[in-house]
Amino acid sequence: MDKPDFKIHTLDAKADPRPTTPEQEERAVRYVALPDYVPAGYPDEDSIDLLALWRVLVAYRRLLLGVFLLGMLLAAGVAFLSTPVYRAELVMAPANEKEGGKLSVLAGQFGGLASLAGVNLGSGGNNVDKVLATLKSRAFLVPFLREEKIPALYAKSASGEAPSLLEVYENFAEDVLAIRKDSKTGLVNLAVEWPDPALAARWANALVTQLNEHQRKAAIQQAQQSIDYLNQQLDKTTVVDMQQVIYRLIESQSKVIMLANVKQEYAMQVVDPAMAPEKPVRPQRTLILVLGLVLSIMLGVFVAFLLHGLKNFRQQMHRMQ
């Protein structure tokens, strides 16, 4: 502990009241340090001199103003020069819950025999998770991208080489197309984000139309293959009970084909179709300007104190030399 500049003299009863040697004088002097006491003239190391901080900011006011103007200029450029992106949304729901329930009952009655016969009695395509997975699959999206000539739009905006079809698919599935399912209501929100609002709305509606067509054709093809196989098994068996079961299975698959041919919205039914949005979702100009304001002020203050600290450090090094 550093010794203060003041001394408290105490006299020893056995010592000479007038010390004659330095050793005696040292023994006669006792240094006392009072805890939590700061003598007058000693600054508190933990205190912050706000006036000194304000003087630093005033000294670097031109630097602060320059950093602030530069930050706001960059924020305004990002806010007003970025390409606006619009979000077109639609709401859809599973379209064949009743038919799927009937097929589920039939699958419960004859599911074992159907599996032995090699026939899959599905739920009629009412598995929403499977349908939504198909919506983002390469087997479905790649033909859609080709039909809508979407890769050509990416090629026009690319500065270098044109992206491949797989790159376009990955970007479209991750950044353009968004699907969200409400676990409580069972409704599904499909959104398409694109700089052209009319094109985004058209793609959103076309995706559902193409999805229903894809699922409808897949159901017809699967049911027809099941009927062909059941007819082959019917010719091979002579058991009356087995023949009756096969007839019932053929009838159920024929209903699937009939339903698929009649019903256009086979897998998903559009509750609220997409319309061309009027306001973009990106960029959020107000938020960008506010963030630019805050960040530019923080950066200016940081640079000012950094330069002030370097200046003091150089002065101390110069004094030491």
C-alpha atoms as a PDB file:
ATOM      1  CA  MET A   1       0.000   0.000   0.000  1.00  0.00           C
ATOM      2  CA  ASP A   2       1.400   3.434  -0.924  1.00  0.00           C
ATOM      3  CA  LYS A   3       2.120   5.714   1.979  1.00  0.00           C
ATOM      4  CA  PRO A   4       0.210   8.990   2.175  1.00  0.00           C
ATOM      5  CA  ASP A   5       2.001  12.281   2.336  1.00  0.00           C
ATOM      6  CA  PHE A   6       0.929  12.973   5.931  1.00  0.00           C
ATOM      7  CA  LYS A   7       2.357  11.523   9.149  1.00  0.00           C
ATOM      8  CA  ILE A   8       1.001  11.004  12.643  1.00  0.00           C
ATOM      9  CA  HIS A   9       3.709  11.273  15.307  1.00  0.00           C
ATOM     10  CA  THR A  10       3.374   9.198  18.439  1.00  0.00           C
ATOM     11  CA  LEU A  11       5.751   9.304  21.342  1.00  0.00           C
ATOM     12  CA  ASP A  12       6.884   6.138  23.014  1.00  0.00           C
ATOM     13  CA  ALA A  13       6.828   6.347  26.798  1.00  0.00           C
ATOM     14  CA  LYS A  14      10.241   4.727  27.069  1.00  0.00           C
ATOM     15  CA  ALA A  15      11.764   6.502  24.127  1.00  0.00           C
ATOM     16  CA  ASP A  16      13.492   9.795  24.146  1.00  0.00           C
ATOM     17  CA  PRO A  17      10.983  12.557  23.349  1.00  0.00           C
ATOM     18  CA  ARG A  18      13.601  14.146  21.173  1.00  0.00           C
ATOM     19  CA  PRO A  19      15.061  11.529  18.804  1.00  0.00           C
ATOM     20  CA  THR A  20      18.667  12.211  17.926  1.00  0.00           C
ATOM     21  CA  THR A  21      19.349   9.537  15.304  1.00  0.00           C
ATOM     22  CA  PRO A  22      17.484   8.645  12.092  1.00  0.00           C
ATOM     23  CA  GLU A  23      16.708   5.167  13.458  1.00  0.00           C
ATOM     24  CA  GLN A  24      15.051   6.649  16.518  1.00  0.00           C
ATOM     25  CA  GLU A  25      13.148   9.120  14.387  1.00  0.00           C
ATOM     26  CA  GLU A  26      11.860   6.289  12.167  1.00  0.00           C
ATOM     27  CA  ARG A  27      10.704   4.287  15.195  1.00  0.00           C
ATOM     28  CA  ALA A  28       8.970   7.341  16.566  1.00  0.00           C
ATOM     29  CA  VAL A  29       6.970   7.834  13.393  1.00  0.00           C
ATOM     30  CA  ARG A  30       3.954   5.632  12.657  1.00  0.00           C
ATOM     31  CA  TYR A  31       2.212   5.720   9.280  1.00  0.00           C
ATOM     32  CA  VAL A  32      -1.523   5.254   9.516  1.00  0.00           C
ATOM     33  CA  ALA A  33      -3.728   4.667   6.490  1.00  0.00           C
ATOM     34  CA  LEU A  34      -7.429   5.135   7.060  1.00  0.00           C
ATOM     35  CA  PRO A  35      -9.613   2.681   5.045  1.00  0.00           C
ATOM     36  CA  ASP A  36     -12.114   4.053   2.523  1.00  0.00           C
ATOM     37  CA  TYR A  37     -10.743   7.523   2.929  1.00  0.00           C
ATOM     38  CA  VAL A  38      -9.500   9.659   0.065  1.00  0.00           C
ATOM     39  CA  PRO A  39      -7.482  12.692   1.086  1.00  0.00           C
ATOM     40  CA  ALA A  40      -8.192  16.032  -0.421  1.00  0.00           C
ATOM     41  CA  GLY A  41      -6.588  16.436  -3.789  1.00  0.00           C
ATOM     42  CA  TYR A  42      -6.643  12.708  -4.625  1.00  0.00           C
ATOM     43  CA  PRO A  43      -9.097  11.828  -7.478  1.00  0.00           C
ATOM     44  CA  ASP A  44     -11.324   8.762  -7.232  1.00  0.00           C
ATOM     45  CA  GLU A  45     -10.101   6.187  -9.758  1.00  0.00           C
ATOM     46  CA  ASP A  46     -13.580   4.638 -10.199  1.00  0.00           C
ATOM     47  CA  SER A  47     -15.328   7.905 -11.000  1.00  0.00           C
ATOM     48  CA  ILE A  48     -16.042   8.995 -14.570  1.00  0.00           C
ATOM     49  CA  ASP A  49     -15.384  12.561 -15.571  1.00  0.00           C
ATOM     50  CA  LEU A  50     -18.314  13.317 -17.870  1.00  0.00           C
ATOM     51  CA  LEU A  51     -16.963  16.740 -18.612  1.00  0.00           C
ATOM     52  CA  ALA A  52     -13.718  15.210 -19.892  1.00  0.00           C
ATOM     53  CA  LEU A  53     -15.653  12.800 -22.098  1.00  0.00           C
ATOM     54  CA  TRP A  54     -17.697  15.667 -23.475  1.00  0.00           C
ATOM     55  CA  ARG A  55     -14.519  17.601 -24.219  1.00  0.00           C
ATOM     56  CA  VAL A  56     -13.187  14.640 -26.203  1.00  0.00           C
ATOM     57  CA  LEU A  57     -16.371  14.503 -28.275  1.00  0.00           C
ATOM     58  CA  VAL A  58     -16.243  18.244 -28.860  1.00  0.00           C
ATOM     59  CA  ALA A  59     -12.614  18.027 -29.925  1.00  0.00           C
ATOM     60  CA  TYR A  60     -13.501  15.363 -32.510  1.00  0.00           C
ATOM     61  CA  ARG A  61     -16.806  16.898 -33.576  1.00  0.00           C
ATOM     62  CA  ARG A  62     -15.794  17.054 -37.228  1.00  0.00           C
ATOM     63  CA  LEU A  63     -14.910  13.379 -37.217  1.00  0.00           C
ATOM     64  CA  LEU A  64     -18.248  12.547 -35.564  1.00  0.00           C
ATOM     65  CA  LEU A  65     -20.118  14.585 -38.144  1.00  0.00           C
ATOM     66  CA  GLY A  66     -18.257  12.917 -41.010  1.00  0.00           C
ATOM     67  CA  VAL A  67     -18.890   9.398 -39.729  1.00  0.00           C
ATOM     68  CA  PHE A  68     -22.549  10.240 -39.096  1.00  0.00           C
ATOM     69  CA  LEU A  69     -23.076  11.631 -42.596  1.00  0.00           C
ATOM     70  CA  LEU A  70     -21.257   8.696 -44.191  1.00  0.00           C
ATOM     71  CA  GLY A  71     -23.312   6.173 -42.204  1.00  0.00           C
ATOM     72  CA  MET A  72     -26.602   7.844 -43.044  1.00  0.00           C
ATOM     73  CA  LEU A  73     -25.605   8.068 -46.709  1.00  0.00           C
ATOM     74  CA  LEU A  74     -24.887   4.335 -46.808  1.00  0.00           C
ATOM     75  CA  ALA A  75     -28.143   3.533 -44.985  1.00  0.00           C
ATOM     76  CA  ALA A  76     -30.146   5.716 -47.374  1.00  0.00           C
ATOM     77  CA  GLY A  77     -28.467   4.043 -50.346  1.00  0.00           C
ATOM     78  CA  VAL A  78     -29.360   0.589 -49.060  1.00  0.00           C
ATOM     79  CA  ALA A  79     -32.912   1.669 -48.207  1.00  0.00           C
ATOM     80  CA  PHE A  80     -33.803   3.445 -51.436  1.00  0.00           C
ATOM     81  CA  LEU A  81     -31.581   1.780 -54.038  1.00  0.00           C
ATOM     82  CA  SER A  82     -32.221  -1.874 -53.138  1.00  0.00           C
ATOM     83  CA  THR A  83     -34.638  -3.746 -55.366  1.00  0.00           C
ATOM     84  CA  PRO A  84     -38.028  -4.023 -53.632  1.00  0.00           C
ATOM     85  CA  VAL A  85     -39.293  -7.548 -53.028  1.00  0.00           C
ATOM     86  CA  TYR A  86     -43.022  -8.321 -52.857  1.00  0.00           C
ATOM     87  CA  ARG A  87     -44.668 -11.218 -51.027  1.00  0.00           C
ATOM     88  CA  ALA A  88     -47.741 -12.898 -52.536  1.00  0.00           C
ATOM     89  CA  GLU A  89     -49.559 -15.279 -50.174  1.00  0.00           C
ATOM     90  CA  LEU A  90     -52.424 -17.728 -50.423  1.00  0.00           C
ATOM     91  CA  VAL A  91     -54.206 -19.987 -47.945  1.00  0.00           C
ATOM     92  CA  MET A  92     -55.087 -23.591 -48.745  1.00  0.00           C
ATOM     93  CA  ALA A  93     -56.481 -26.623 -46.934  1.00  0.00           C
ATOM     94  CA  PRO A  94     -56.595 -30.394 -47.530  1.00  0.00           C
ATOM     95  CA  ALA A  95     -59.250 -31.034 -50.164  1.00  0.00           C
ATOM     96  CA  ASN A  96     -60.212 -34.699 -49.722  1.00  0.00           C
ATOM     97  CA  GLU A  97     -60.744 -35.342 -46.033  1.00  0.00           C
ATOM     98  CA  LYS A  98     -64.074 -37.174 -46.574  1.00  0.00           C
ATOM     99  CA  GLU A  99     -62.758 -39.390 -49.354  1.00  0.00           C
ATOM    100  CA  GLY A 100     -59.619 -40.065 -47.358  1.00  0.00           C
ATOM    101  CA  GLY A 101     -61.741 -41.172 -44.406  1.00  0.00           C
ATOM    102  CA  LYS A 102     -63.659 -43.654 -46.553  1.00  0.00           C
ATOM    103  CA  LEU A 103     -60.457 -45.111 -47.941  1.00  0.00           C
ATOM    104  CA  SER A 104     -59.025 -45.346 -44.432  1.00  0.00           C
ATOM    105  CA  VAL A 105     -62.031 -47.420 -43.358  1.00  0.00           C
ATOM    106  CA  LEU A 106     -61.577 -49.664 -46.362  1.00  0.00           C
ATOM    107  CA  ALA A 107     -57.879 -49.989 -45.627  1.00  0.00           C
ATOM    108  CA  GLY A 108     -58.701 -51.039 -42.079  1.00  0.00           C
ATOM    109  CA  GLN A 109     -61.067 -53.755 -43.323  1.00  0.00           C
ATOM    110  CA  PHE A 110     -59.003 -55.175 -46.163  1.00  0.00           C
ATOM    111  CA  GLY A 111     -55.547 -53.714 -45.511  1.00  0.00           C
ATOM    112  CA  GLY A 112     -54.009 -57.075 -44.617  1.00  0.00           C
ATOM    113  CA  LEU A 113     -55.340 -58.846 -47.689  1.00  0.00           C
ATOM    114  CA  ALA A 114     -54.483 -55.893 -49.889  1.00  0.00           C
ATOM    115  CA  SER A 115     -50.888 -55.913 -48.699  1.00  0.00           C
ATOM    116  CA  LEU A 116     -50.677 -59.632 -49.409  1.00  0.00           C
ATOM    117  CA  ALA A 117     -52.019 -58.953 -52.875  1.00  0.00           C
ATOM    118  CA  GLY A 118     -49.438 -56.196 -53.391  1.00  0.00           C
ATOM    119  CA  VAL A 119     -51.951 -53.319 -53.404  1.00  0.00           C
ATOM    120  CA  ASN A 120     -51.415 -50.136 -51.398  1.00  0.00           C
ATOM    121  CA  LEU A 121     -54.637 -48.676 -50.047  1.00  0.00           C
ATOM    122  CA  GLY A 122     -53.500 -45.168 -49.284  1.00  0.00           C
ATOM    123  CA  SER A 123     -55.460 -42.416 -47.620  1.00  0.00           C
ATOM    124  CA  GLY A 124     -56.420 -40.813 -50.904  1.00  0.00           C
ATOM    125  CA  GLY A 125     -53.667 -38.223 -50.835  1.00  0.00           C
ATOM    126  CA  ASN A 126     -54.792 -36.489 -47.622  1.00  0.00           C
ATOM    127  CA  ASN A 127     -51.361 -36.701 -46.018  1.00  0.00           C
ATOM    128  CA  VAL A 128     -50.648 -32.981 -45.864  1.00  0.00           C
ATOM    129  CA  ASP A 129     -47.013 -33.335 -44.822  1.00  0.00           C
ATOM    130  CA  LYS A 130     -46.315 -35.610 -47.755  1.00  0.00           C
ATOM    131  CA  VAL A 131     -48.049 -33.219 -50.156  1.00  0.00           C
ATOM    132  CA  LEU A 132     -46.069 -30.254 -48.837  1.00  0.00           C
ATOM    133  CA  ALA A 133     -42.841 -32.226 -49.137  1.00  0.00           C
ATOM    134  CA  THR A 134     -43.773 -32.931 -52.754  1.00  0.00           C
ATOM    135  CA  LEU A 135     -44.331 -29.208 -53.276  1.00  0.00           C
ATOM    136  CA  LYS A 136     -40.654 -28.511 -52.481  1.00  0.00           C
ATOM    137  CA  SER A 137     -39.215 -31.595 -54.133  1.00  0.00           C
ATOM    138  CA  ARG A 138     -36.997 -31.505 -57.216  1.00  0.00           C
ATOM    139  CA  ALA A 139     -39.345 -33.867 -59.052  1.00  0.00           C
ATOM    140  CA  PHE A 140     -42.107 -31.261 -58.827  1.00  0.00           C
ATOM    141  CA  LEU A 141     -40.319 -27.892 -58.804  1.00  0.00           C
ATOM    142  CA  VAL A 142     -37.828 -28.479 -61.624  1.00  0.00           C
ATOM    143  CA  PRO A 143     -40.568 -29.030 -64.270  1.00  0.00           C
ATOM    144  CA  PHE A 144     -42.431 -26.026 -62.867  1.00  0.00           C
ATOM    145  CA  LEU A 145     -39.312 -23.840 -63.189  1.00  0.00           C
ATOM    146  CA  ARG A 146     -38.850 -24.940 -66.786  1.00  0.00           C
ATOM    147  CA  GLU A 147     -42.489 -24.369 -67.687  1.00  0.00           C
ATOM    148  CA  GLU A 148     -42.501 -20.856 -66.195  1.00  0.00           C
ATOM    149  CA  LYS A 149     -39.064 -20.083 -67.724  1.00  0.00           C
ATOM    150  CA  ILE A 150     -37.746 -18.998 -64.343  1.00  0.00           C
ATOM    151  CA  PRO A 151     -34.082 -19.933 -65.014  1.00  0.00           C
ATOM    152  CA  ALA A 152     -34.036 -17.317 -67.784  1.00  0.00           C
ATOM    153  CA  LEU A 153     -34.967 -14.640 -65.238  1.00  0.00           C
ATOM    154  CA  TYR A 154     -32.041 -15.649 -63.066  1.00  0.00           C
ATOM    155  CA  ALA A 155     -29.733 -15.601 -66.075  1.00  0.00           C
ATOM    156  CA  LYS A 156     -30.745 -12.023 -66.893  1.00  0.00           C
ATOM    157  CA  SER A 157     -29.952 -10.805 -63.378  1.00  0.00           C
ATOM    158  CA  ALA A 158     -26.661 -12.679 -63.065  1.00  0.00           C
ATOM    159  CA  SER A 159     -23.498 -10.683 -63.698  1.00  0.00           C
ATOM    160  CA  GLY A 160     -21.355 -13.636 -64.700  1.00  0.00           C
ATOM    161  CA  GLU A 161     -22.257 -17.081 -65.930  1.00  0.00           C
ATOM    162  CA  ALA A 162     -25.861 -18.178 -65.946  1.00  0.00           C
ATOM    163  CA  PRO A 163     -26.730 -20.344 -62.917  1.00  0.00           C
ATOM    164  CA  SER A 164     -27.488 -23.998 -63.442  1.00  0.00           C
ATOM    165  CA  LEU A 165     -30.983 -25.419 -63.104  1.00  0.00           C
ATOM    166  CA  LEU A 166     -30.071 -27.030 -59.786  1.00  0.00           C
ATOM    167  CA  GLU A 167     -28.813 -23.693 -58.429  1.00  0.00           C
ATOM    168  CA  VAL A 168     -32.027 -22.014 -59.544  1.00  0.00           C
ATOM    169  CA  TYR A 169     -34.035 -24.746 -57.825  1.00  0.00           C
ATOM    170  CA  GLU A 170     -32.114 -24.370 -54.558  1.00  0.00           C
ATOM    171  CA  ASN A 171     -32.508 -20.587 -54.568  1.00  0.00           C
ATOM    172  CA  PHE A 172     -36.206 -20.767 -55.447  1.00  0.00           C
ATOM    173  CA  ALA A 173     -36.965 -23.394 -52.804  1.00  0.00           C
ATOM    174  CA  GLU A 174     -35.027 -21.629 -50.042  1.00  0.00           C
ATOM    175  CA  ASP A 175     -35.384 -17.891 -50.748  1.00  0.00           C
ATOM    176  CA  VAL A 176     -38.446 -17.480 -52.985  1.00  0.00           C
ATOM    177  CA  LEU A 177     -40.922 -20.143 -51.860  1.00  0.00           C
ATOM    178  CA  ALA A 178     -42.108 -20.287 -48.239  1.00  0.00           C
ATOM    179  CA  ILE A 179     -44.606 -22.782 -46.785  1.00  0.00           C
ATOM    180  CA  ARG A 180     -46.048 -22.670 -43.275  1.00  0.00           C
ATOM    181  CA  LYS A 181     -48.593 -25.063 -41.774  1.00  0.00           C
ATOM    182  CA  ASP A 182     -50.822 -24.092 -38.870  1.00  0.00           C
ATOM    183  CA  SER A 183     -50.925 -27.053 -36.517  1.00  0.00           C
ATOM    184  CA  LYS A 184     -54.153 -25.844 -34.866  1.00  0.00           C
ATOM    185  CA  THR A 185     -56.339 -25.137 -37.900  1.00  0.00           C
ATOM    186  CA  GLY A 186     -54.595 -27.366 -40.433  1.00  0.00           C
ATOM    187  CA  LEU A 187     -54.465 -24.501 -42.941  1.00  0.00           C
ATOM    188  CA  VAL A 188     -51.343 -24.009 -45.032  1.00  0.00           C
ATOM    189  CA  ASN A 189     -49.884 -20.637 -46.046  1.00  0.00           C
ATOM    190  CA  LEU A 190     -47.903 -20.547 -49.269  1.00  0.00           C
ATOM    191  CA  ALA A 191     -45.903 -17.417 -50.096  1.00  0.00           C
ATOM    192  CA  VAL A 192     -43.770 -16.393 -53.067  1.00  0.00           C
ATOM    193  CA  GLU A 193     -41.345 -13.464 -52.796  1.00  0.00           C
ATOM    194  CA  TRP A 194     -40.252 -11.779 -56.024  1.00  0.00           C
ATOM    195  CA  PRO A 195     -39.507  -8.252 -57.315  1.00  0.00           C
ATOM    196  CA  ASP A 196     -42.519  -8.421 -59.664  1.00  0.00           C
ATOM    197  CA  PRO A 197     -45.735  -8.526 -57.554  1.00  0.00           C
ATOM    198  CA  ALA A 198     -47.980  -9.750 -60.389  1.00  0.00           C
ATOM    199  CA  LEU A 199     -45.532 -12.531 -61.234  1.00  0.00           C
ATOM    200  CA  ALA A 200     -45.260 -13.567 -57.602  1.00  0.00           C
ATOM    201  CA  ALA A 201     -49.043 -13.889 -57.303  1.00  0.00           C
ATOM    202  CA  ARG A 202     -49.288 -15.844 -60.562  1.00  0.00           C
ATOM    203  CA  TRP A 203     -46.590 -18.268 -59.475  1.00  0.00           C
ATOM    204  CA  ALA A 204     -48.247 -18.838 -56.083  1.00  0.00           C
ATOM    205  CA  ASN A 205     -51.575 -19.753 -57.677  1.00  0.00           C
ATOM    206  CA  ALA A 206     -49.893 -21.794 -60.396  1.00  0.00           C
ATOM    207  CA  LEU A 207     -47.936 -23.810 -57.830  1.00  0.00           C
ATOM    208  CA  VAL A 208     -51.133 -25.032 -56.172  1.00  0.00           C
ATOM    209  CA  THR A 209     -52.725 -25.801 -59.540  1.00  0.00           C
ATOM    210  CA  GLN A 210     -49.685 -27.767 -60.680  1.00  0.00           C
ATOM    211  CA  LEU A 211     -49.497 -29.541 -57.321  1.00  0.00           C
ATOM    212  CA  ASN A 212     -53.094 -30.740 -57.575  1.00  0.00           C
ATOM    213  CA  GLU A 213     -52.465 -31.898 -61.133  1.00  0.00           C
ATOM    214  CA  HIS A 214     -49.301 -33.702 -60.079  1.00  0.00           C
ATOM    215  CA  GLN A 215     -51.046 -35.476 -57.199  1.00  0.00           C
ATOM    216  CA  ARG A 216     -54.081 -36.294 -59.343  1.00  0.00           C
ATOM    217  CA  LYS A 217     -52.001 -37.931 -62.070  1.00  0.00           C
ATOM    218  CA  ALA A 218     -49.957 -39.823 -59.494  1.00  0.00           C
ATOM    219  CA  ALA A 219     -53.148 -41.150 -57.836  1.00  0.00           C
ATOM    220  CA  ILE A 220     -54.641 -42.216 -61.181  1.00  0.00           C
ATOM    221  CA  GLN A 221     -51.436 -43.948 -62.214  1.00  0.00           C
ATOM    222  CA  GLN A 222     -51.121 -45.753 -58.898  1.00  0.00           C
ATOM    223  CA  ALA A 223     -54.786 -46.806 -58.900  1.00  0.00           C
ATOM    224  CA  GLN A 224     -54.578 -48.044 -62.494  1.00  0.00           C
ATOM    225  CA  GLN A 225     -51.498 -50.103 -61.704  1.00  0.00           C
ATOM    226  CA  SER A 226     -53.329 -51.575 -58.705  1.00  0.00           C
ATOM    227  CA  ILE A 227     -56.349 -52.466 -60.869  1.00  0.00           C
ATOM    228  CA  ASP A 228     -54.145 -54.136 -63.470  1.00  0.00           C
ATOM    229  CA  TYR A 229     -52.416 -56.155 -60.797  1.00  0.00           C
ATOM    230  CA  LEU A 230     -55.720 -57.104 -59.135  1.00  0.00           C
ATOM    231  CA  ASN A 231     -57.115 -58.315 -62.449  1.00  0.00           C
ATOM    232  CA  GLN A 232     -54.088 -60.539 -62.869  1.00  0.00           C
ATOM    233  CA  GLN A 233     -54.560 -61.967 -59.386  1.00  0.00           C
ATOM    234  CA  LEU A 234     -58.262 -62.438 -60.036  1.00  0.00           C
ATOM    235  CA  ASP A 235     -57.514 -64.690 -63.010  1.00  0.00           C
ATOM    236  CA  LYS A 236     -55.149 -66.802 -60.912  1.00  0.00           C
ATOM    237  CA  THR A 237     -57.352 -67.463 -57.888  1.00  0.00           C
ATOM    238  CA  THR A 238     -60.402 -69.721 -57.643  1.00  0.00           C
ATOM    239  CA  VAL A 239     -61.273 -68.984 -54.023  1.00  0.00           C
ATOM    240  CA  VAL A 240     -64.618 -67.229 -53.868  1.00  0.00           C
ATOM    241  CA  ASP A 241     -63.828 -65.210 -50.724  1.00  0.00           C
ATOM    242  CA  MET A 242     -60.566 -64.009 -52.223  1.00  0.00           C
ATOM    243  CA  GLN A 243     -62.321 -63.049 -55.429  1.00  0.00           C
ATOM    244  CA  GLN A 244     -64.849 -60.987 -53.493  1.00  0.00           C
ATOM    245  CA  VAL A 245     -62.077 -59.153 -51.685  1.00  0.00           C
ATOM    246  CA  ILE A 246     -60.317 -58.450 -54.976  1.00  0.00           C
ATOM    247  CA  TYR A 247     -63.575 -57.134 -56.435  1.00  0.00           C
ATOM    248  CA  ARG A 248     -63.929 -54.764 -53.519  1.00  0.00           C
ATOM    249  CA  LEU A 249     -60.350 -53.585 -53.965  1.00  0.00           C
ATOM    250  CA  ILE A 250     -60.904 -53.039 -57.688  1.00  0.00           C
ATOM    251  CA  GLU A 251     -64.020 -51.067 -56.882  1.00  0.00           C
ATOM    252  CA  SER A 252     -62.175 -48.846 -54.415  1.00  0.00           C
ATOM    253  CA  GLN A 253     -59.370 -48.151 -56.890  1.00  0.00           C
ATOM    254  CA  SER A 254     -61.944 -47.374 -59.584  1.00  0.00           C
ATOM    255  CA  LYS A 255     -63.509 -44.806 -57.250  1.00  0.00           C
ATOM    256  CA  VAL A 256     -60.088 -43.245 -56.761  1.00  0.00           C
ATOM    257  CA  ILE A 257     -59.689 -42.870 -60.532  1.00  0.00           C
ATOM    258  CA  MET A 258     -63.193 -41.474 -60.893  1.00  0.00           C
ATOM    259  CA  LEU A 259     -62.660 -38.981 -58.080  1.00  0.00           C
ATOM    260  CA  ALA A 260     -59.314 -37.881 -59.473  1.00  0.00           C
ATOM    261  CA  ASN A 261     -60.781 -37.314 -62.937  1.00  0.00           C
ATOM    262  CA  VAL A 262     -63.707 -35.298 -61.616  1.00  0.00           C
ATOM    263  CA  LYS A 263     -62.102 -33.240 -58.868  1.00  0.00           C
ATOM    264  CA  GLN A 264     -59.595 -30.626 -60.023  1.00  0.00           C
ATOM    265  CA  GLU A 265     -58.471 -29.590 -56.525  1.00  0.00           C
ATOM    266  CA  TYR A 266     -57.528 -33.129 -55.683  1.00  0.00           C
ATOM    267  CA  ALA A 267     -54.910 -32.650 -52.948  1.00  0.00           C
ATOM    268  CA  MET A 268     -55.198 -29.045 -51.742  1.00  0.00           C
ATOM    269  CA  GLN A 269     -58.113 -26.636 -51.939  1.00  0.00           C
ATOM    270  CA  VAL A 270     -57.423 -22.911 -52.197  1.00  0.00           C
ATOM    271  CA  VAL A 271     -59.272 -20.984 -49.497  1.00  0.00           C
ATOM    272  CA  ASP A 272     -57.848 -17.543 -50.258  1.00  0.00           C
ATOM    273  CA  PRO A 273     -56.025 -17.145 -53.590  1.00  0.00           C
ATOM    274  CA  ALA A 274     -52.948 -14.970 -53.963  1.00  0.00           C
ATOM    275  CA  MET A 275     -53.238 -11.408 -55.231  1.00  0.00           C
ATOM    276  CA  ALA A 276     -50.558  -8.985 -56.404  1.00  0.00           C
ATOM    277  CA  PRO A 277     -49.325  -7.156 -53.274  1.00  0.00           C
ATOM    278  CA  GLU A 278     -49.120  -3.380 -53.242  1.00  0.00           C
ATOM    279  CA  LYS A 279     -46.365  -2.872 -50.643  1.00  0.00           C
ATOM    280  CA  PRO A 280     -42.968  -4.587 -50.629  1.00  0.00           C
ATOM    281  CA  VAL A 281     -41.747  -6.620 -47.682  1.00  0.00           C
ATOM    282  CA  ARG A 282     -38.120  -5.682 -48.331  1.00  0.00           C
ATOM    283  CA  PRO A 283     -36.322  -3.392 -47.861  1.00  0.00           C
ATOM    284  CA  GLN A 284     -37.802  -1.931 -44.678  1.00  0.00           C
ATOM    285  CA  ARG A 285     -36.653   1.637 -45.229  1.00  0.00           C
ATOM    286  CA  THR A 286     -37.613   3.053 -41.827  1.00  0.00           C
ATOM    287  CA  LEU A 287     -35.836   0.276 -39.955  1.00  0.00           C
ATOM    288  CA  ILE A 288     -32.722   0.610 -42.112  1.00  0.00           C
ATOM    289  CA  LEU A 289     -32.546   4.381 -41.547  1.00  0.00           C
ATOM    290  CA  VAL A 290     -32.969   4.015 -37.780  1.00  0.00           C
ATOM    291  CA  LEU A 291     -30.274   1.340 -37.622  1.00  0.00           C
ATOM    292  CA  GLY A 292     -27.999   3.500 -39.767  1.00  0.00           C
ATOM    293  CA  LEU A 293     -28.521   6.428 -37.390  1.00  0.00           C
ATOM    294  CA  VAL A 294     -27.715   4.405 -34.267  1.00  0.00           C
ATOM    295  CA  LEU A 295     -24.756   2.539 -35.749  1.00  0.00           C
ATOM    296  CA  SER A 296     -23.185   5.663 -37.255  1.00  0.00           C
ATOM    297  CA  ILE A 297     -23.330   7.473 -33.899  1.00  0.00           C
ATOM    298  CA  MET A 298     -21.859   4.486 -32.067  1.00  0.00           C
ATOM    299  CA  LEU A 299     -19.102   4.107 -34.642  1.00  0.00           C
ATOM    300  CA  GLY A 300     -18.251   7.818 -34.531  1.00  0.00           C
ATOM    301  CA  VAL A 301     -17.985   7.828 -30.722  1.00  0.00           C
ATOM    302  CA  PHE A 302     -15.845   4.684 -30.779  1.00  0.00           C
ATOM    303  CA  VAL A 303     -13.438   6.124 -33.352  1.00  0.00           C
ATOM    304  CA  ALA A 304     -13.199   9.417 -31.450  1.00  0.00           C
ATOM    305  CA  PHE A 305     -12.246   7.768 -28.168  1.00  0.00           C
ATOM    306  CA  LEU A 306      -9.908   5.379 -29.980  1.00  0.00           C
ATOM    307  CA  LEU A 307      -8.016   8.270 -31.584  1.00  0.00           C
ATOM    308  CA  HIS A 308      -7.961  10.148 -28.288  1.00  0.00           C
ATOM    309  CA  GLY A 309      -6.503   7.127 -26.514  1.00  0.00           C
ATOM    310  CA  LEU A 310      -3.826   6.683 -29.171  1.00  0.00           C
ATOM    311  CA  LYS A 311      -2.946  10.345 -28.907  1.00  0.00           C
ATOM    312  CA  ASN A 312      -2.487  10.106 -25.126  1.00  0.00           C
ATOM    313  CA  PHE A 313      -0.450   6.936 -25.514  1.00  0.00           C
ATOM    314  CA  ARG A 314       1.920   8.608 -27.976  1.00  0.00           C
ATOM    315  CA  GLN A 315       2.336  11.581 -25.658  1.00  0.00           C
ATOM    316  CA  GLN A 316       3.230   9.321 -22.747  1.00  0.00           C
ATOM    317  CA  MET A 317       5.726   7.391 -24.858  1.00  0.00           C
ATOM    318  CA  HIS A 318       7.278  10.682 -25.980  1.00  0.00           C
ATOM    319  CA  ARG A 319       7.628  11.865 -22.354  1.00  0.00           C
ATOM    320  CA  MET A 320       9.270   8.611 -21.347  1.00  0.00           C
ATOM    321  CA  GLN A 321      11.850   9.045 -24.075  1.00  0.00           C
END
